[in-house]
Amino acid sequence: MNAQQSPDATPHTGVPRLTITQDNEFFFAAAREGRLEIQRCTECETLRHPPSPSCPHCRSMKWDTVESARRCTLHSYTVLHHPKDPAFDYPLAVGLVDLEEGTRLVADIAGIDHADLEFGMELEVGFAEHAHGEVLPQLRRRGDGEPR
């Protein structure tokens, strides 16, 4: 939604607004700035995504973040045809990627013909505006322009 649109001008969508907590706010703030931040346990240095209050390995509540290089490889994907929501263009490809830093991320895939998707293909994480004007990660072919 741009600055001139009123909240009433937002297209009807079934997509809920983001649930932002003290454990994930850093992730969404970084995305709005075009950065991908990954939560890291400061006790055992385990990276984790999605963010959570405690480390699944050592149970520590202490954490910081590291900035990702945004390079990744496609681990798996699916192409959605239904249910159709006006917030998305269909068919919609959604991928699970292995980030170079060693954790995984799920995001929609843009600018790649679905027939060209291959497990292990090199991608990068960019950012795009989604429902409710929120900025989220989006997967793109590596080197296809400057990701936001």
N, C-alpha and C. Protein backbone atom coordinates (compact mmCIF):
# COMPACT_ATOMS: atom_id res chain seq x y z
N MET A 1 0.85 -1.17 0.00
CA MET A 1 0.00 0.00 0.00
C MET A 1 0.89 1.22 0.00
N ASN A 2 0.66 2.15 -0.91
CA ASN A 2 1.48 3.34 -0.94
C ASN A 2 0.91 4.38 0.02
N ALA A 3 1.68 5.46 0.21
CA ALA A 3 1.32 6.48 1.19
C ALA A 3 0.00 7.16 0.86
N GLN A 4 -0.44 7.14 -0.40
CA GLN A 4 -1.66 7.82 -0.78
C GLN A 4 -2.90 6.95 -0.61
N GLN A 5 -2.72 5.66 -0.42
CA GLN A 5 -3.87 4.78 -0.27
C GLN A 5 -4.34 4.79 1.17
N SER A 6 -5.64 4.74 1.34
CA SER A 6 -6.17 4.61 2.70
C SER A 6 -6.22 3.14 3.05
N PRO A 7 -6.29 2.81 4.35
CA PRO A 7 -6.40 1.40 4.74
C PRO A 7 -7.59 0.72 4.09
N ASP A 8 -8.66 1.49 3.79
CA ASP A 8 -9.85 0.90 3.16
C ASP A 8 -9.59 0.50 1.71
N ALA A 9 -8.49 1.03 1.09
CA ALA A 9 -8.18 0.73 -0.31
C ALA A 9 -7.40 -0.57 -0.46
N THR A 10 -7.01 -1.19 0.64
CA THR A 10 -6.27 -2.44 0.58
C THR A 10 -7.16 -3.53 0.00
N PRO A 11 -6.67 -4.26 -1.03
CA PRO A 11 -7.50 -5.33 -1.60
C PRO A 11 -7.84 -6.38 -0.54
N HIS A 12 -9.02 -6.96 -0.66
CA HIS A 12 -9.42 -8.01 0.27
C HIS A 12 -8.47 -9.20 0.12
N THR A 13 -7.98 -9.69 1.23
CA THR A 13 -7.08 -10.84 1.22
C THR A 13 -7.34 -11.68 2.46
N GLY A 14 -7.12 -12.97 2.32
CA GLY A 14 -7.21 -13.87 3.46
C GLY A 14 -5.88 -14.01 4.19
N VAL A 15 -4.85 -13.32 3.68
CA VAL A 15 -3.53 -13.40 4.29
C VAL A 15 -3.53 -12.60 5.59
N PRO A 16 -3.21 -13.23 6.71
CA PRO A 16 -3.20 -12.48 7.98
C PRO A 16 -2.01 -11.53 8.04
N ARG A 17 -2.13 -10.51 8.86
CA ARG A 17 -1.00 -9.62 9.10
C ARG A 17 0.08 -10.40 9.84
N LEU A 18 1.32 -9.93 9.71
CA LEU A 18 2.43 -10.58 10.41
C LEU A 18 2.21 -10.53 11.91
N THR A 19 2.65 -11.57 12.60
CA THR A 19 2.67 -11.55 14.05
C THR A 19 4.10 -11.23 14.44
N ILE A 20 4.29 -10.02 14.94
CA ILE A 20 5.64 -9.57 15.30
C ILE A 20 5.80 -9.62 16.81
N THR A 21 6.88 -10.29 17.23
CA THR A 21 7.16 -10.46 18.66
C THR A 21 8.56 -9.94 18.95
N GLN A 22 8.94 -9.93 20.21
CA GLN A 22 10.29 -9.49 20.56
C GLN A 22 11.35 -10.47 20.04
N ASP A 23 10.95 -11.67 19.70
CA ASP A 23 11.90 -12.66 19.19
C ASP A 23 12.07 -12.60 17.67
N ASN A 24 11.14 -12.00 16.94
CA ASN A 24 11.27 -11.96 15.48
C ASN A 24 11.27 -10.55 14.89
N GLU A 25 11.08 -9.53 15.70
CA GLU A 25 11.00 -8.17 15.20
C GLU A 25 12.25 -7.79 14.41
N PHE A 26 13.43 -8.24 14.84
CA PHE A 26 14.68 -7.95 14.14
C PHE A 26 14.63 -8.43 12.69
N PHE A 27 14.02 -9.58 12.45
CA PHE A 27 13.95 -10.18 11.13
C PHE A 27 13.15 -9.29 10.18
N PHE A 28 11.98 -8.84 10.63
CA PHE A 28 11.12 -8.02 9.78
C PHE A 28 11.69 -6.60 9.60
N ALA A 29 12.32 -6.07 10.63
CA ALA A 29 12.96 -4.74 10.51
C ALA A 29 14.10 -4.80 9.50
N ALA A 30 14.90 -5.85 9.54
CA ALA A 30 16.00 -6.01 8.59
C ALA A 30 15.46 -6.18 7.17
N ALA A 31 14.39 -6.94 7.01
CA ALA A 31 13.79 -7.15 5.68
C ALA A 31 13.34 -5.82 5.08
N ARG A 32 12.76 -4.95 5.90
CA ARG A 32 12.34 -3.64 5.40
C ARG A 32 13.54 -2.82 4.92
N GLU A 33 14.74 -3.13 5.43
CA GLU A 33 15.97 -2.44 5.03
C GLU A 33 16.73 -3.20 3.94
N GLY A 34 16.15 -4.33 3.46
CA GLY A 34 16.79 -5.11 2.41
C GLY A 34 17.91 -6.01 2.91
N ARG A 35 17.85 -6.39 4.17
CA ARG A 35 18.86 -7.28 4.75
C ARG A 35 18.18 -8.54 5.27
N LEU A 36 18.91 -9.66 5.22
CA LEU A 36 18.43 -10.92 5.77
C LEU A 36 19.24 -11.22 7.02
N GLU A 37 18.59 -11.15 8.17
CA GLU A 37 19.25 -11.42 9.45
C GLU A 37 18.82 -12.79 9.95
N ILE A 38 19.78 -13.53 10.49
CA ILE A 38 19.52 -14.87 11.03
C ILE A 38 19.82 -14.85 12.52
N GLN A 39 18.93 -15.42 13.30
CA GLN A 39 19.13 -15.49 14.75
C GLN A 39 20.21 -16.52 15.07
N ARG A 40 21.08 -16.18 16.04
CA ARG A 40 22.17 -17.08 16.43
C ARG A 40 22.23 -17.15 17.95
N CYS A 41 22.36 -18.35 18.47
CA CYS A 41 22.54 -18.57 19.90
C CYS A 41 23.95 -18.08 20.28
N THR A 42 24.05 -17.25 21.30
CA THR A 42 25.37 -16.76 21.70
C THR A 42 26.10 -17.75 22.60
N GLU A 43 25.42 -18.78 23.06
CA GLU A 43 26.08 -19.80 23.89
C GLU A 43 26.74 -20.88 23.03
N CYS A 44 25.99 -21.43 22.05
CA CYS A 44 26.53 -22.53 21.24
C CYS A 44 26.71 -22.15 19.76
N GLU A 45 26.32 -20.93 19.39
CA GLU A 45 26.44 -20.38 18.04
C GLU A 45 25.59 -21.08 16.98
N THR A 46 24.57 -21.80 17.41
CA THR A 46 23.64 -22.44 16.48
C THR A 46 22.78 -21.36 15.81
N LEU A 47 22.69 -21.43 14.49
CA LEU A 47 21.79 -20.54 13.75
C LEU A 47 20.41 -21.15 13.75
N ARG A 48 19.39 -20.29 13.80
CA ARG A 48 18.04 -20.84 13.78
C ARG A 48 17.09 -19.91 13.03
N HIS A 49 16.26 -20.55 12.24
CA HIS A 49 15.19 -19.86 11.56
C HIS A 49 14.05 -20.85 11.39
N PRO A 50 12.85 -20.50 11.70
CA PRO A 50 12.42 -19.18 12.13
C PRO A 50 12.91 -18.86 13.54
N PRO A 51 12.94 -17.55 13.85
CA PRO A 51 13.41 -17.13 15.18
C PRO A 51 12.55 -17.71 16.29
N SER A 52 13.17 -17.94 17.43
CA SER A 52 12.45 -18.48 18.58
C SER A 52 13.08 -17.94 19.86
N PRO A 53 12.38 -18.04 20.97
CA PRO A 53 12.90 -17.48 22.22
C PRO A 53 14.13 -18.21 22.77
N SER A 54 14.23 -19.51 22.51
CA SER A 54 15.36 -20.25 23.07
C SER A 54 15.99 -21.17 22.02
N CYS A 55 17.23 -21.52 22.26
CA CYS A 55 17.97 -22.39 21.35
C CYS A 55 17.46 -23.82 21.47
N PRO A 56 17.14 -24.46 20.35
CA PRO A 56 16.66 -25.84 20.41
C PRO A 56 17.76 -26.84 20.77
N HIS A 57 19.03 -26.41 20.69
CA HIS A 57 20.13 -27.32 20.99
C HIS A 57 20.59 -27.24 22.44
N CYS A 58 20.80 -26.02 22.96
CA CYS A 58 21.33 -25.88 24.32
C CYS A 58 20.34 -25.23 25.28
N ARG A 59 19.20 -24.80 24.77
CA ARG A 59 18.12 -24.18 25.54
C ARG A 59 18.44 -22.79 26.09
N SER A 60 19.53 -22.19 25.63
CA SER A 60 19.89 -20.85 26.07
C SER A 60 18.86 -19.85 25.55
N MET A 61 18.63 -18.81 26.33
CA MET A 61 17.73 -17.72 25.92
C MET A 61 18.52 -16.56 25.36
N LYS A 62 19.84 -16.69 25.28
CA LYS A 62 20.68 -15.60 24.82
C LYS A 62 20.93 -15.74 23.32
N TRP A 63 20.76 -14.62 22.59
CA TRP A 63 20.96 -14.68 21.15
C TRP A 63 21.35 -13.32 20.60
N ASP A 64 21.93 -13.37 19.41
CA ASP A 64 22.19 -12.18 18.61
C ASP A 64 21.85 -12.53 17.18
N THR A 65 22.27 -11.74 16.21
CA THR A 65 21.97 -12.04 14.82
C THR A 65 23.22 -11.93 13.98
N VAL A 66 23.19 -12.60 12.83
CA VAL A 66 24.24 -12.46 11.82
C VAL A 66 23.55 -12.10 10.51
N GLU A 67 24.22 -11.30 9.70
CA GLU A 67 23.66 -10.94 8.41
C GLU A 67 24.03 -11.99 7.37
N SER A 68 23.03 -12.46 6.66
CA SER A 68 23.24 -13.46 5.63
C SER A 68 23.78 -12.81 4.36
N ALA A 69 24.58 -13.57 3.62
CA ALA A 69 25.04 -13.14 2.29
C ALA A 69 23.92 -13.27 1.28
N ARG A 70 22.82 -13.92 1.66
CA ARG A 70 21.61 -14.12 0.85
C ARG A 70 21.80 -15.09 -0.30
N ARG A 71 22.90 -15.82 -0.34
CA ARG A 71 23.10 -16.84 -1.37
C ARG A 71 22.54 -18.16 -0.84
N CYS A 72 21.90 -18.91 -1.72
CA CYS A 72 21.25 -20.15 -1.29
C CYS A 72 21.10 -21.10 -2.46
N THR A 73 20.74 -22.34 -2.13
CA THR A 73 20.44 -23.33 -3.15
C THR A 73 19.04 -23.89 -2.87
N LEU A 74 18.34 -24.21 -3.94
CA LEU A 74 16.97 -24.70 -3.83
C LEU A 74 16.99 -26.15 -3.32
N HIS A 75 16.39 -26.35 -2.16
CA HIS A 75 16.31 -27.69 -1.56
C HIS A 75 15.03 -28.40 -2.02
N SER A 76 13.93 -27.65 -2.05
CA SER A 76 12.64 -28.22 -2.44
C SER A 76 11.72 -27.07 -2.84
N TYR A 77 10.65 -27.39 -3.53
CA TYR A 77 9.68 -26.36 -3.89
C TYR A 77 8.34 -27.01 -4.20
N THR A 78 7.33 -26.17 -4.22
CA THR A 78 6.00 -26.59 -4.64
C THR A 78 5.40 -25.46 -5.46
N VAL A 79 4.48 -25.79 -6.32
CA VAL A 79 3.78 -24.78 -7.12
C VAL A 79 2.30 -24.84 -6.72
N LEU A 80 1.83 -23.73 -6.18
CA LEU A 80 0.46 -23.65 -5.70
C LEU A 80 -0.47 -23.10 -6.78
N HIS A 81 -1.62 -23.73 -6.91
CA HIS A 81 -2.64 -23.27 -7.85
C HIS A 81 -3.89 -22.81 -7.11
N HIS A 82 -4.12 -23.33 -5.92
CA HIS A 82 -5.32 -23.03 -5.12
C HIS A 82 -4.94 -23.11 -3.65
N PRO A 83 -5.64 -22.46 -2.75
CA PRO A 83 -6.73 -21.54 -3.00
C PRO A 83 -6.19 -20.20 -3.47
N LYS A 84 -6.87 -19.58 -4.38
CA LYS A 84 -6.39 -18.32 -4.93
C LYS A 84 -6.75 -17.16 -4.00
N ASP A 85 -5.75 -16.33 -3.77
CA ASP A 85 -5.93 -15.13 -2.95
C ASP A 85 -5.44 -13.95 -3.78
N PRO A 86 -6.13 -12.82 -3.76
CA PRO A 86 -5.73 -11.69 -4.58
C PRO A 86 -4.35 -11.12 -4.22
N ALA A 87 -3.78 -11.51 -3.11
CA ALA A 87 -2.46 -11.00 -2.72
C ALA A 87 -1.34 -11.66 -3.51
N PHE A 88 -1.63 -12.72 -4.27
CA PHE A 88 -0.59 -13.46 -4.98
C PHE A 88 -0.96 -13.65 -6.45
N ASP A 89 0.08 -13.85 -7.28
CA ASP A 89 -0.11 -14.23 -8.68
C ASP A 89 0.03 -15.74 -8.77
N TYR A 90 -0.88 -16.38 -9.48
CA TYR A 90 -0.86 -17.84 -9.59
C TYR A 90 -0.56 -18.26 -11.00
N PRO A 91 0.04 -19.46 -11.17
CA PRO A 91 0.51 -20.35 -10.12
C PRO A 91 1.68 -19.71 -9.36
N LEU A 92 1.78 -20.03 -8.07
CA LEU A 92 2.75 -19.44 -7.16
C LEU A 92 3.76 -20.51 -6.73
N ALA A 93 5.03 -20.27 -7.03
CA ALA A 93 6.07 -21.21 -6.60
C ALA A 93 6.60 -20.75 -5.24
N VAL A 94 6.71 -21.71 -4.32
CA VAL A 94 7.25 -21.46 -2.99
C VAL A 94 8.40 -22.43 -2.79
N GLY A 95 9.55 -21.89 -2.37
CA GLY A 95 10.73 -22.73 -2.24
C GLY A 95 11.26 -22.82 -0.82
N LEU A 96 11.91 -23.93 -0.54
CA LEU A 96 12.68 -24.15 0.67
C LEU A 96 14.12 -24.14 0.23
N VAL A 97 14.91 -23.22 0.78
CA VAL A 97 16.31 -23.10 0.36
C VAL A 97 17.26 -23.33 1.53
N ASP A 98 18.46 -23.80 1.17
CA ASP A 98 19.56 -23.91 2.12
C ASP A 98 20.40 -22.66 1.97
N LEU A 99 20.40 -21.83 3.00
CA LEU A 99 21.23 -20.63 2.97
C LEU A 99 22.69 -21.03 3.13
N GLU A 100 23.58 -20.26 2.53
CA GLU A 100 25.01 -20.52 2.61
C GLU A 100 25.49 -20.61 4.06
N GLU A 101 24.81 -19.90 4.96
CA GLU A 101 25.22 -19.88 6.37
C GLU A 101 24.86 -21.15 7.11
N GLY A 102 24.00 -22.00 6.51
CA GLY A 102 23.72 -23.29 7.11
C GLY A 102 22.34 -23.47 7.69
N THR A 103 21.43 -22.57 7.46
CA THR A 103 20.06 -22.75 7.91
C THR A 103 19.14 -22.66 6.70
N ARG A 104 17.87 -22.88 6.90
CA ARG A 104 16.92 -22.88 5.79
C ARG A 104 15.92 -21.74 5.90
N LEU A 105 15.31 -21.45 4.76
CA LEU A 105 14.33 -20.38 4.67
C LEU A 105 13.27 -20.79 3.66
N VAL A 106 12.02 -20.41 3.92
CA VAL A 106 10.92 -20.64 2.98
C VAL A 106 10.48 -19.28 2.46
N ALA A 107 10.32 -19.16 1.15
CA ALA A 107 9.87 -17.90 0.55
C ALA A 107 9.32 -18.19 -0.84
N ASP A 108 8.55 -17.24 -1.36
CA ASP A 108 8.05 -17.41 -2.72
C ASP A 108 9.18 -17.18 -3.71
N ILE A 109 9.02 -17.75 -4.90
CA ILE A 109 10.04 -17.68 -5.95
C ILE A 109 9.50 -16.77 -7.05
N ALA A 110 10.32 -15.80 -7.46
CA ALA A 110 9.89 -14.83 -8.47
C ALA A 110 10.83 -14.84 -9.67
N GLY A 111 10.27 -14.61 -10.86
CA GLY A 111 11.07 -14.41 -12.05
C GLY A 111 11.70 -15.65 -12.66
N ILE A 112 11.25 -16.82 -12.25
CA ILE A 112 11.79 -18.06 -12.80
C ILE A 112 10.62 -18.90 -13.28
N ASP A 113 10.65 -19.32 -14.54
CA ASP A 113 9.61 -20.20 -15.06
C ASP A 113 9.61 -21.48 -14.23
N HIS A 114 8.45 -21.91 -13.83
CA HIS A 114 8.36 -23.09 -12.97
C HIS A 114 8.97 -24.33 -13.60
N ALA A 115 8.93 -24.44 -14.91
CA ALA A 115 9.53 -25.58 -15.60
C ALA A 115 11.06 -25.56 -15.48
N ASP A 116 11.64 -24.42 -15.17
CA ASP A 116 13.10 -24.29 -15.04
C ASP A 116 13.61 -24.53 -13.63
N LEU A 117 12.72 -24.69 -12.66
CA LEU A 117 13.15 -24.92 -11.29
C LEU A 117 13.79 -26.30 -11.16
N GLU A 118 14.94 -26.35 -10.50
CA GLU A 118 15.66 -27.61 -10.29
C GLU A 118 16.23 -27.63 -8.88
N PHE A 119 16.12 -28.78 -8.24
CA PHE A 119 16.74 -28.93 -6.92
C PHE A 119 18.23 -28.65 -7.06
N GLY A 120 18.78 -27.90 -6.12
CA GLY A 120 20.20 -27.59 -6.13
C GLY A 120 20.56 -26.34 -6.93
N MET A 121 19.57 -25.73 -7.62
CA MET A 121 19.90 -24.52 -8.39
C MET A 121 20.26 -23.38 -7.45
N GLU A 122 21.18 -22.55 -7.91
CA GLU A 122 21.65 -21.43 -7.10
C GLU A 122 20.66 -20.27 -7.20
N LEU A 123 20.27 -19.77 -6.04
CA LEU A 123 19.34 -18.65 -5.96
C LEU A 123 19.92 -17.61 -5.02
N GLU A 124 19.21 -16.48 -4.92
CA GLU A 124 19.55 -15.47 -3.94
C GLU A 124 18.27 -14.95 -3.33
N VAL A 125 18.39 -14.39 -2.16
CA VAL A 125 17.24 -13.83 -1.46
C VAL A 125 17.18 -12.34 -1.74
N GLY A 126 16.07 -11.91 -2.31
CA GLY A 126 15.77 -10.49 -2.45
C GLY A 126 14.60 -10.19 -1.54
N PHE A 127 13.97 -9.06 -1.73
CA PHE A 127 12.84 -8.69 -0.89
C PHE A 127 11.77 -8.05 -1.75
N ALA A 128 10.52 -8.27 -1.38
CA ALA A 128 9.40 -7.71 -2.12
C ALA A 128 8.27 -7.38 -1.15
N GLU A 129 7.47 -6.42 -1.57
CA GLU A 129 6.30 -6.07 -0.77
C GLU A 129 5.23 -7.13 -0.97
N HIS A 130 4.62 -7.52 0.12
CA HIS A 130 3.57 -8.53 0.10
C HIS A 130 2.28 -7.92 0.65
N ALA A 131 1.36 -8.75 1.02
CA ALA A 131 0.07 -8.30 1.55
C ALA A 131 0.28 -7.32 2.71
N HIS A 132 -0.60 -6.35 2.82
CA HIS A 132 -0.60 -5.35 3.89
C HIS A 132 0.63 -4.45 3.86
N GLY A 133 1.35 -4.42 2.72
CA GLY A 133 2.52 -3.55 2.59
C GLY A 133 3.75 -4.07 3.31
N GLU A 134 3.71 -5.31 3.77
CA GLU A 134 4.84 -5.88 4.50
C GLU A 134 5.92 -6.35 3.52
N VAL A 135 7.17 -6.20 3.91
CA VAL A 135 8.30 -6.60 3.07
C VAL A 135 8.82 -7.93 3.59
N LEU A 136 8.90 -8.92 2.68
CA LEU A 136 9.33 -10.26 3.05
C LEU A 136 10.36 -10.76 2.05
N PRO A 137 11.14 -11.78 2.45
CA PRO A 137 12.10 -12.37 1.51
C PRO A 137 11.40 -12.96 0.30
N GLN A 138 12.12 -12.94 -0.83
CA GLN A 138 11.64 -13.52 -2.08
C GLN A 138 12.83 -14.14 -2.78
N LEU A 139 12.69 -15.35 -3.29
CA LEU A 139 13.79 -16.06 -3.94
C LEU A 139 13.85 -15.71 -5.42
N ARG A 140 15.07 -15.50 -5.90
CA ARG A 140 15.30 -15.15 -7.30
C ARG A 140 16.52 -15.88 -7.81
N ARG A 141 16.60 -15.99 -9.12
CA ARG A 141 17.78 -16.57 -9.75
C ARG A 141 19.00 -15.72 -9.38
N ARG A 142 20.08 -16.35 -9.00
CA ARG A 142 21.27 -15.62 -8.60
C ARG A 142 21.79 -14.78 -9.78
N GLY A 143 22.05 -13.51 -9.50
CA GLY A 143 22.60 -12.62 -10.52
C GLY A 143 21.56 -11.94 -11.38
N ASP A 144 20.27 -12.18 -11.14
CA ASP A 144 19.21 -11.52 -11.93
C ASP A 144 18.91 -10.14 -11.34
N GLY A 145 19.80 -9.21 -11.54
CA GLY A 145 19.59 -7.86 -11.03
C GLY A 145 19.92 -7.76 -9.56
N GLU A 146 19.89 -6.57 -9.08
CA GLU A 146 20.22 -6.30 -7.68
C GLU A 146 19.00 -6.59 -6.81
N PRO A 147 19.10 -7.56 -5.89
CA PRO A 147 17.97 -7.78 -5.00
C PRO A 147 17.80 -6.59 -4.08
N ARG A 148 16.58 -6.27 -3.79
CA ARG A 148 16.28 -5.14 -2.92
C ARG A 148 17.00 -5.28 -1.61
